[in-house]
Amino acid sequence: MRASARPTRADLEAIRTLIVDDEPPARERLRRMLGDVREVAVVGEAGNGGEALQLCAELSPDVVLLDIRMPGMDGIEAARHLSSFAHPPAVIFTTAYDQHALEAFETQAVGYLLKPVRQEKLARAIRHAARVAAPQLSRLAEQSRLGQRRSQICARLGEQLRLIPIEDVHCFTADQKYVTVHHRAGRDLIDESLRALADEFAPDFVRIHRNSLVAVRQVASIERGEDGHYVVRMKGAGEALPVSRRHAVEALRRLRSGH
């Protein structure tokens, strides 16, 4: 992971671009080509998806050149996380996939460059991506359903990021406009909706209340109180989460079938 030197005034007025590829020669080739594009400033480089997210949080680039096939977090999952940022960058995938395979990911917000990347196409793609407004990027990225399902949840701690494996998550709870992810190492606030999380992670997570989404395998017990209301107790936690009447029938069916 590498950020470029302190930006100059010219850099701040240029299209701020982050290069992400696990192969150093590929990053160097892109940097060299972009060095000849007057209106582009390379603000940093990353070798994987996790590094890319951290640099995006620190540098707020306008455009990210993102390789799809990388070890660990690949480019598709990194793009999903980037789309949830308050000010998401435009994403251009650099990939060896042929055009037929890319049709599954096609959106207005995301560009594609097939390797080996050609300089004129690279410059044109960055100029186009930089013209797309951030709210439109976020909306289109969500509609594209990139990657279908993530393996980690991204929580922001100021300029720092914490990647939480889904397998470590016990539940998600909502309090007004905030969602808290409860996980093996503690709790963190995330900027996502329970509805979107429920859609993405079903059937492994079940909605038990308008304010609660629980991991089926993390449920220790389902109990019924004297008042007839059900509560769910999570493994390793004494707190009981209420099951609402609205969600009771479906939630109990799914939870019981998962045990």
C-alpha atoms as a PDB file:
ATOM      1  CA  MET A   1       0.000   0.000   0.000  1.00  0.00           C
ATOM      2  CA  ARG A   2       1.499   3.307  -1.034  1.00  0.00           C
ATOM      3  CA  ALA A   3       0.205   6.877  -1.075  1.00  0.00           C
ATOM      4  CA  SER A   4       1.894   9.393  -3.332  1.00  0.00           C
ATOM      5  CA  ALA A   5       3.724  12.440  -2.060  1.00  0.00           C
ATOM      6  CA  ARG A   6       1.852  15.430  -0.621  1.00  0.00           C
ATOM      7  CA  PRO A   7      -0.498  16.682  -3.392  1.00  0.00           C
ATOM      8  CA  THR A   8       0.273  19.926  -5.182  1.00  0.00           C
ATOM      9  CA  ARG A   9      -2.331  22.476  -6.236  1.00  0.00           C
ATOM     10  CA  ALA A  10      -2.286  20.952  -9.715  1.00  0.00           C
ATOM     11  CA  ASP A  11      -2.936  17.495  -8.229  1.00  0.00           C
ATOM     12  CA  LEU A  12      -5.940  18.765  -6.303  1.00  0.00           C
ATOM     13  CA  GLU A  13      -7.436  20.180  -9.487  1.00  0.00           C
ATOM     14  CA  ALA A  14      -6.739  16.977 -11.460  1.00  0.00           C
ATOM     15  CA  ILE A  15      -8.692  13.704 -11.476  1.00  0.00           C
ATOM     16  CA  ARG A  16      -7.366  11.974  -8.347  1.00  0.00           C
ATOM     17  CA  THR A  17      -6.783   8.323  -9.235  1.00  0.00           C
ATOM     18  CA  LEU A  18      -5.891   5.242  -7.162  1.00  0.00           C
ATOM     19  CA  ILE A  19      -4.318   2.185  -8.816  1.00  0.00           C
ATOM     20  CA  VAL A  20      -5.179  -1.244  -7.371  1.00  0.00           C
ATOM     21  CA  ASP A  21      -3.549  -4.432  -8.672  1.00  0.00           C
ATOM     22  CA  ASP A  22      -1.761  -7.294  -6.901  1.00  0.00           C
ATOM     23  CA  GLU A  23       1.021  -7.347  -9.518  1.00  0.00           C
ATOM     24  CA  PRO A  24       3.626  -4.555  -9.128  1.00  0.00           C
ATOM     25  CA  PRO A  25       4.528  -4.532 -12.867  1.00  0.00           C
ATOM     26  CA  ALA A  26       0.852  -3.961 -13.732  1.00  0.00           C
ATOM     27  CA  ARG A  27       0.642  -1.036 -11.281  1.00  0.00           C
ATOM     28  CA  GLU A  28       3.847   0.452 -12.635  1.00  0.00           C
ATOM     29  CA  ARG A  29       2.578   0.187 -16.219  1.00  0.00           C
ATOM     30  CA  LEU A  30      -0.668   1.993 -15.350  1.00  0.00           C
ATOM     31  CA  ARG A  31       1.210   4.689 -13.415  1.00  0.00           C
ATOM     32  CA  ARG A  32       3.560   5.207 -16.350  1.00  0.00           C
ATOM     33  CA  MET A  33       0.697   5.562 -18.828  1.00  0.00           C
ATOM     34  CA  LEU A  34      -1.197   7.954 -16.561  1.00  0.00           C
ATOM     35  CA  GLY A  35       1.919  10.070 -16.205  1.00  0.00           C
ATOM     36  CA  ASP A  36       1.324  11.199 -19.786  1.00  0.00           C
ATOM     37  CA  VAL A  37      -2.321  12.169 -19.154  1.00  0.00           C
ATOM     38  CA  ARG A  38      -2.253  15.827 -18.129  1.00  0.00           C
ATOM     39  CA  GLU A  39      -5.530  15.973 -16.184  1.00  0.00           C
ATOM     40  CA  VAL A  40      -4.890  12.854 -14.071  1.00  0.00           C
ATOM     41  CA  ALA A  41      -2.963  12.672 -10.770  1.00  0.00           C
ATOM     42  CA  VAL A  42      -2.108   9.243  -9.303  1.00  0.00           C
ATOM     43  CA  VAL A  43      -2.563   9.627  -5.533  1.00  0.00           C
ATOM     44  CA  GLY A  44      -1.570   6.094  -4.498  1.00  0.00           C
ATOM     45  CA  GLU A  45      -1.304   2.365  -5.173  1.00  0.00           C
ATOM     46  CA  ALA A  46      -2.681  -0.734  -3.413  1.00  0.00           C
ATOM     47  CA  GLY A  47      -1.968  -4.430  -3.861  1.00  0.00           C
ATOM     48  CA  ASN A  48      -5.319  -5.827  -2.692  1.00  0.00           C
ATOM     49  CA  GLY A  49      -8.903  -4.909  -1.851  1.00  0.00           C
ATOM     50  CA  GLY A  50      -8.311  -4.270   1.843  1.00  0.00           C
ATOM     51  CA  GLU A  51      -5.466  -1.833   1.144  1.00  0.00           C
ATOM     52  CA  ALA A  52      -7.614  -0.137  -1.486  1.00  0.00           C
ATOM     53  CA  LEU A  53     -10.413   0.530   1.003  1.00  0.00           C
ATOM     54  CA  GLN A  54      -7.994   1.997   3.533  1.00  0.00           C
ATOM     55  CA  LEU A  55      -6.377   4.307   0.982  1.00  0.00           C
ATOM     56  CA  CYS A  56      -9.777   5.404  -0.319  1.00  0.00           C
ATOM     57  CA  ALA A  57     -10.785   6.346   3.234  1.00  0.00           C
ATOM     58  CA  GLU A  58      -7.587   8.359   3.663  1.00  0.00           C
ATOM     59  CA  LEU A  59      -7.211   9.917   0.202  1.00  0.00           C
ATOM     60  CA  SER A  60     -10.772  10.216  -1.198  1.00  0.00           C
ATOM     61  CA  PRO A  61      -9.800   9.571  -4.832  1.00  0.00           C
ATOM     62  CA  ASP A  62     -12.155  10.490  -7.655  1.00  0.00           C
ATOM     63  CA  VAL A  63     -11.453   7.283  -9.596  1.00  0.00           C
ATOM     64  CA  VAL A  64     -10.179   3.816  -8.644  1.00  0.00           C
ATOM     65  CA  LEU A  65      -8.576   1.531 -11.229  1.00  0.00           C
ATOM     66  CA  LEU A  66      -9.454  -1.836  -9.697  1.00  0.00           C
ATOM     67  CA  ASP A  67      -8.189  -5.254 -10.740  1.00  0.00           C
ATOM     68  CA  ILE A  68     -10.854  -7.963 -10.389  1.00  0.00           C
ATOM     69  CA  ARG A  69      -8.747 -11.030  -9.623  1.00  0.00           C
ATOM     70  CA  MET A  70      -6.678 -10.453  -6.476  1.00  0.00           C
ATOM     71  CA  PRO A  71      -5.901 -12.690  -3.472  1.00  0.00           C
ATOM     72  CA  GLY A  72      -7.936 -12.109  -0.336  1.00  0.00           C
ATOM     73  CA  MET A  73     -10.588  -9.505  -1.053  1.00  0.00           C
ATOM     74  CA  ASP A  74     -11.058  -9.335  -4.823  1.00  0.00           C
ATOM     75  CA  GLY A  75     -12.034  -6.281  -6.844  1.00  0.00           C
ATOM     76  CA  ILE A  76     -15.733  -7.135  -6.991  1.00  0.00           C
ATOM     77  CA  GLU A  77     -16.092  -7.242  -3.208  1.00  0.00           C
ATOM     78  CA  ALA A  78     -13.949  -4.115  -2.789  1.00  0.00           C
ATOM     79  CA  ALA A  79     -16.279  -2.288  -5.193  1.00  0.00           C
ATOM     80  CA  ARG A  80     -19.267  -3.300  -3.057  1.00  0.00           C
ATOM     81  CA  HIS A  81     -17.621  -1.774  -0.002  1.00  0.00           C
ATOM     82  CA  LEU A  82     -16.654   1.375  -1.887  1.00  0.00           C
ATOM     83  CA  SER A  83     -20.240   1.880  -3.012  1.00  0.00           C
ATOM     84  CA  SER A  84     -21.279   2.262   0.642  1.00  0.00           C
ATOM     85  CA  PHE A  85     -18.870   5.148   1.276  1.00  0.00           C
ATOM     86  CA  ALA A  86     -20.437   8.558   1.881  1.00  0.00           C
ATOM     87  CA  HIS A  87     -18.591   9.854  -1.195  1.00  0.00           C
ATOM     88  CA  PRO A  88     -17.817   6.771  -3.296  1.00  0.00           C
ATOM     89  CA  PRO A  89     -15.201   6.998  -6.035  1.00  0.00           C
ATOM     90  CA  ALA A  90     -15.909   5.979  -9.590  1.00  0.00           C
ATOM     91  CA  VAL A  91     -14.663   2.426 -10.196  1.00  0.00           C
ATOM     92  CA  ILE A  92     -13.029   1.190 -13.386  1.00  0.00           C
ATOM     93  CA  PHE A  93     -12.247  -2.514 -13.472  1.00  0.00           C
ATOM     94  CA  THR A  94      -9.014  -3.607 -15.134  1.00  0.00           C
ATOM     95  CA  THR A  95      -9.385  -7.261 -16.015  1.00  0.00           C
ATOM     96  CA  ALA A  96      -8.394 -10.057 -18.361  1.00  0.00           C
ATOM     97  CA  TYR A  97     -12.041 -11.220 -18.618  1.00  0.00           C
ATOM     98  CA  ASP A  98     -13.534 -11.142 -22.067  1.00  0.00           C
ATOM     99  CA  GLN A  99     -16.467  -8.865 -22.862  1.00  0.00           C
ATOM    100  CA  HIS A 100     -19.032 -11.658 -22.639  1.00  0.00           C
ATOM    101  CA  ALA A 101     -18.078 -12.394 -19.009  1.00  0.00           C
ATOM    102  CA  LEU A 102     -18.224  -8.697 -18.159  1.00  0.00           C
ATOM    103  CA  GLU A 103     -21.882  -8.362 -19.140  1.00  0.00           C
ATOM    104  CA  ALA A 104     -22.869  -9.632 -15.689  1.00  0.00           C
ATOM    105  CA  PHE A 105     -21.282  -6.544 -14.108  1.00  0.00           C
ATOM    106  CA  GLU A 106     -22.287  -3.890 -16.649  1.00  0.00           C
ATOM    107  CA  THR A 107     -23.552  -0.591 -15.186  1.00  0.00           C
ATOM    108  CA  GLN A 108     -23.312   3.057 -16.183  1.00  0.00           C
ATOM    109  CA  ALA A 109     -21.273   3.789 -13.073  1.00  0.00           C
ATOM    110  CA  VAL A 110     -18.515   1.260 -13.654  1.00  0.00           C
ATOM    111  CA  GLY A 111     -16.062   1.152 -16.562  1.00  0.00           C
ATOM    112  CA  TYR A 112     -14.057  -1.819 -17.829  1.00  0.00           C
ATOM    113  CA  LEU A 113     -10.620  -2.006 -19.356  1.00  0.00           C
ATOM    114  CA  LEU A 114      -9.412  -5.324 -20.739  1.00  0.00           C
ATOM    115  CA  LYS A 115      -5.770  -6.188 -20.180  1.00  0.00           C
ATOM    116  CA  PRO A 116      -3.378  -5.301 -21.687  1.00  0.00           C
ATOM    117  CA  VAL A 117      -4.746  -1.795 -21.100  1.00  0.00           C
ATOM    118  CA  ARG A 118      -4.197   0.747 -23.869  1.00  0.00           C
ATOM    119  CA  GLN A 119      -3.351   4.317 -22.939  1.00  0.00           C
ATOM    120  CA  GLU A 120      -5.987   6.051 -25.057  1.00  0.00           C
ATOM    121  CA  LYS A 121      -8.776   3.852 -23.654  1.00  0.00           C
ATOM    122  CA  LEU A 122      -7.449   4.325 -20.131  1.00  0.00           C
ATOM    123  CA  ALA A 123      -7.507   8.115 -20.397  1.00  0.00           C
ATOM    124  CA  ARG A 124     -10.972   8.103 -21.963  1.00  0.00           C
ATOM    125  CA  ALA A 125     -12.405   5.805 -19.270  1.00  0.00           C
ATOM    126  CA  ILE A 126     -11.042   7.973 -16.433  1.00  0.00           C
ATOM    127  CA  ARG A 127     -12.397  11.182 -17.959  1.00  0.00           C
ATOM    128  CA  HIS A 128     -15.825   9.582 -18.348  1.00  0.00           C
ATOM    129  CA  ALA A 129     -15.873   8.107 -14.836  1.00  0.00           C
ATOM    130  CA  ALA A 130     -14.861  11.403 -13.236  1.00  0.00           C
ATOM    131  CA  ARG A 131     -17.967  13.097 -14.685  1.00  0.00           C
ATOM    132  CA  VAL A 132     -20.394  10.791 -12.848  1.00  0.00           C
ATOM    133  CA  ALA A 133     -21.824  12.419  -9.706  1.00  0.00           C
ATOM    134  CA  ALA A 134     -21.181  10.620  -6.390  1.00  0.00           C
ATOM    135  CA  PRO A 135     -24.888  10.072  -5.505  1.00  0.00           C
ATOM    136  CA  GLN A 136     -25.471   8.488  -8.905  1.00  0.00           C
ATOM    137  CA  LEU A 137     -22.421   6.254  -8.418  1.00  0.00           C
ATOM    138  CA  SER A 138     -23.706   5.008  -5.089  1.00  0.00           C
ATOM    139  CA  ARG A 139     -27.198   4.334  -6.426  1.00  0.00           C
ATOM    140  CA  LEU A 140     -26.021   2.531  -9.553  1.00  0.00           C
ATOM    141  CA  ALA A 141     -23.439   0.477  -7.673  1.00  0.00           C
ATOM    142  CA  GLU A 142     -26.162  -0.772  -5.337  1.00  0.00           C
ATOM    143  CA  GLN A 143     -28.466  -1.576  -8.252  1.00  0.00           C
ATOM    144  CA  SER A 144     -25.708  -3.517 -10.022  1.00  0.00           C
ATOM    145  CA  ARG A 145     -25.484  -6.016  -7.094  1.00  0.00           C
ATOM    146  CA  LEU A 146     -21.758  -6.378  -7.710  1.00  0.00           C
ATOM    147  CA  GLY A 147     -20.441  -9.623  -6.279  1.00  0.00           C
ATOM    148  CA  GLN A 148     -23.914 -10.514  -4.914  1.00  0.00           C
ATOM    149  CA  ARG A 149     -22.569 -11.155  -1.419  1.00  0.00           C
ATOM    150  CA  ARG A 150     -19.576  -9.928   0.566  1.00  0.00           C
ATOM    151  CA  SER A 151     -17.427 -12.036   2.867  1.00  0.00           C
ATOM    152  CA  GLN A 152     -16.701  -9.083   5.174  1.00  0.00           C
ATOM    153  CA  ILE A 153     -18.410  -5.998   6.583  1.00  0.00           C
ATOM    154  CA  CYS A 154     -16.555  -2.701   6.471  1.00  0.00           C
ATOM    155  CA  ALA A 155     -16.792  -0.393   9.508  1.00  0.00           C
ATOM    156  CA  ARG A 156     -15.261   3.092   9.488  1.00  0.00           C
ATOM    157  CA  LEU A 157     -13.426   4.406  12.540  1.00  0.00           C
ATOM    158  CA  GLY A 158     -12.594   7.952  11.511  1.00  0.00           C
ATOM    159  CA  GLU A 159     -10.114   7.549   8.662  1.00  0.00           C
ATOM    160  CA  GLN A 160      -9.425   3.946   9.657  1.00  0.00           C
ATOM    161  CA  LEU A 161     -11.377   0.924   8.459  1.00  0.00           C
ATOM    162  CA  ARG A 162     -12.162  -2.363  10.188  1.00  0.00           C
ATOM    163  CA  LEU A 163     -13.004  -5.390   8.063  1.00  0.00           C
ATOM    164  CA  ILE A 164     -15.222  -7.818   9.981  1.00  0.00           C
ATOM    165  CA  PRO A 165     -15.621 -11.363   8.595  1.00  0.00           C
ATOM    166  CA  ILE A 166     -19.290 -12.261   8.174  1.00  0.00           C
ATOM    167  CA  GLU A 167     -18.633 -15.548   9.974  1.00  0.00           C
ATOM    168  CA  ASP A 168     -17.731 -13.503  13.098  1.00  0.00           C
ATOM    169  CA  VAL A 169     -20.966 -11.476  13.092  1.00  0.00           C
ATOM    170  CA  HIS A 170     -23.608 -12.339  15.706  1.00  0.00           C
ATOM    171  CA  CYS A 171     -26.271  -9.821  14.738  1.00  0.00           C
ATOM    172  CA  PHE A 172     -27.051  -6.370  13.379  1.00  0.00           C
ATOM    173  CA  THR A 173     -29.201  -3.942  15.373  1.00  0.00           C
ATOM    174  CA  ALA A 174     -30.616  -0.582  14.323  1.00  0.00           C
ATOM    175  CA  ASP A 175     -31.147   2.502  16.469  1.00  0.00           C
ATOM    176  CA  GLN A 176     -32.725   5.331  14.474  1.00  0.00           C
ATOM    177  CA  LYS A 177     -30.296   6.061  11.620  1.00  0.00           C
ATOM    178  CA  TYR A 178     -27.422   3.955  12.976  1.00  0.00           C
ATOM    179  CA  VAL A 179     -26.770   0.229  12.529  1.00  0.00           C
ATOM    180  CA  THR A 180     -24.467  -1.611  14.938  1.00  0.00           C
ATOM    181  CA  VAL A 181     -22.724  -4.829  13.947  1.00  0.00           C
ATOM    182  CA  HIS A 182     -22.186  -7.115  16.953  1.00  0.00           C
ATOM    183  CA  HIS A 183     -19.282  -9.448  16.328  1.00  0.00           C
ATOM    184  CA  ARG A 184     -16.743 -11.675  18.025  1.00  0.00           C
ATOM    185  CA  ALA A 185     -14.349  -8.787  18.735  1.00  0.00           C
ATOM    186  CA  GLY A 186     -16.935  -6.235  19.905  1.00  0.00           C
ATOM    187  CA  ARG A 187     -19.304  -3.738  18.300  1.00  0.00           C
ATOM    188  CA  ASP A 188     -18.976  -1.208  15.483  1.00  0.00           C
ATOM    189  CA  LEU A 189     -21.259   1.280  13.758  1.00  0.00           C
ATOM    190  CA  ILE A 190     -21.763   0.854  10.010  1.00  0.00           C
ATOM    191  CA  ASP A 191     -23.455   3.034   7.428  1.00  0.00           C
ATOM    192  CA  GLU A 192     -25.805   0.428   5.947  1.00  0.00           C
ATOM    193  CA  SER A 193     -29.490  -0.445   6.223  1.00  0.00           C
ATOM    194  CA  LEU A 194     -30.891  -3.589   7.843  1.00  0.00           C
ATOM    195  CA  ARG A 195     -33.070  -4.143   4.806  1.00  0.00           C
ATOM    196  CA  ALA A 196     -30.101  -4.234   2.438  1.00  0.00           C
ATOM    197  CA  LEU A 197     -28.135  -6.460   4.831  1.00  0.00           C
ATOM    198  CA  ALA A 198     -31.082  -8.861   5.141  1.00  0.00           C
ATOM    199  CA  ASP A 199     -31.375  -9.124   1.346  1.00  0.00           C
ATOM    200  CA  GLU A 200     -27.653  -9.673   0.880  1.00  0.00           C
ATOM    201  CA  PHE A 201     -27.025 -12.227   3.623  1.00  0.00           C
ATOM    202  CA  ALA A 202     -30.211 -14.328   3.562  1.00  0.00           C
ATOM    203  CA  PRO A 203     -30.765 -17.146   4.423  1.00  0.00           C
ATOM    204  CA  ASP A 204     -27.865 -17.148   6.918  1.00  0.00           C
ATOM    205  CA  PHE A 205     -29.274 -14.070   8.672  1.00  0.00           C
ATOM    206  CA  VAL A 206     -32.911 -13.727   9.750  1.00  0.00           C
ATOM    207  CA  ARG A 207     -34.923 -10.581  10.501  1.00  0.00           C
ATOM    208  CA  ILE A 208     -36.563 -11.013  13.924  1.00  0.00           C
ATOM    209  CA  HIS A 209     -37.617  -7.400  14.460  1.00  0.00           C
ATOM    210  CA  ARG A 210     -37.605  -4.174  12.472  1.00  0.00           C
ATOM    211  CA  ASN A 211     -34.501  -3.331  14.537  1.00  0.00           C
ATOM    212  CA  SER A 212     -32.742  -6.718  14.578  1.00  0.00           C
ATOM    213  CA  LEU A 213     -31.132  -9.132  12.124  1.00  0.00           C
ATOM    214  CA  VAL A 214     -29.491 -12.238  13.611  1.00  0.00           C
ATOM    215  CA  ALA A 215     -27.070 -14.894  12.352  1.00  0.00           C
ATOM    216  CA  VAL A 216     -28.859 -18.246  12.441  1.00  0.00           C
ATOM    217  CA  ARG A 217     -25.777 -20.209  13.517  1.00  0.00           C
ATOM    218  CA  GLN A 218     -25.087 -17.747  16.356  1.00  0.00           C
ATOM    219  CA  VAL A 219     -28.504 -18.263  17.995  1.00  0.00           C
ATOM    220  CA  ALA A 220     -28.205 -20.109  21.324  1.00  0.00           C
ATOM    221  CA  SER A 221     -31.908 -20.435  22.125  1.00  0.00           C
ATOM    222  CA  ILE A 222     -35.425 -19.224  21.381  1.00  0.00           C
ATOM    223  CA  GLU A 223     -37.514 -18.604  24.487  1.00  0.00           C
ATOM    224  CA  ARG A 224     -41.143 -17.690  25.073  1.00  0.00           C
ATOM    225  CA  GLY A 225     -42.019 -15.454  27.999  1.00  0.00           C
ATOM    226  CA  GLU A 226     -45.118 -15.562  30.191  1.00  0.00           C
ATOM    227  CA  ASP A 227     -46.557 -12.728  28.116  1.00  0.00           C
ATOM    228  CA  GLY A 228     -46.398 -14.955  25.020  1.00  0.00           C
ATOM    229  CA  HIS A 229     -43.653 -12.940  23.332  1.00  0.00           C
ATOM    230  CA  TYR A 230     -40.531 -14.661  22.037  1.00  0.00           C
ATOM    231  CA  VAL A 231     -36.918 -13.618  22.581  1.00  0.00           C
ATOM    232  CA  VAL A 232     -33.722 -14.844  20.943  1.00  0.00           C
ATOM    233  CA  ARG A 233     -30.518 -15.349  22.924  1.00  0.00           C
ATOM    234  CA  MET A 234     -27.210 -15.243  21.087  1.00  0.00           C
ATOM    235  CA  LYS A 235     -24.219 -17.469  21.853  1.00  0.00           C
ATOM    236  CA  GLY A 236     -21.739 -15.869  24.202  1.00  0.00           C
ATOM    237  CA  ALA A 237     -24.089 -13.000  25.087  1.00  0.00           C
ATOM    238  CA  GLY A 238     -26.612 -12.689  27.854  1.00  0.00           C
ATOM    239  CA  GLU A 239     -28.706 -10.043  26.116  1.00  0.00           C
ATOM    240  CA  ALA A 240     -32.067 -11.230  24.790  1.00  0.00           C
ATOM    241  CA  LEU A 241     -33.343  -9.798  21.503  1.00  0.00           C
ATOM    242  CA  PRO A 242     -37.134  -9.515  21.177  1.00  0.00           C
ATOM    243  CA  VAL A 243     -38.984 -11.135  18.290  1.00  0.00           C
ATOM    244  CA  SER A 244     -41.732  -8.848  17.018  1.00  0.00           C
ATOM    245  CA  ARG A 245     -45.243 -10.151  16.274  1.00  0.00           C
ATOM    246  CA  ARG A 246     -44.855  -9.049  12.674  1.00  0.00           C
ATOM    247  CA  HIS A 247     -41.751 -11.197  12.135  1.00  0.00           C
ATOM    248  CA  ALA A 248     -42.523 -14.030  14.573  1.00  0.00           C
ATOM    249  CA  VAL A 249     -43.966 -16.708  12.264  1.00  0.00           C
ATOM    250  CA  GLU A 250     -41.321 -16.482   9.538  1.00  0.00           C
ATOM    251  CA  ALA A 251     -38.436 -15.828  11.944  1.00  0.00           C
ATOM    252  CA  LEU A 252     -39.246 -18.780  14.170  1.00  0.00           C
ATOM    253  CA  ARG A 253     -39.696 -21.098  11.200  1.00  0.00           C
ATOM    254  CA  ARG A 254     -36.319 -20.161   9.762  1.00  0.00           C
ATOM    255  CA  LEU A 255     -34.467 -20.168  13.078  1.00  0.00           C
ATOM    256  CA  ARG A 256     -35.823 -23.537  14.144  1.00  0.00           C
ATOM    257  CA  SER A 257     -35.040 -25.111  10.779  1.00  0.00           C
ATOM    258  CA  GLY A 258     -31.464 -23.860  11.122  1.00  0.00           C
ATOM    259  CA  HIS A 259     -30.843 -25.680  14.388  1.00  0.00           C
END
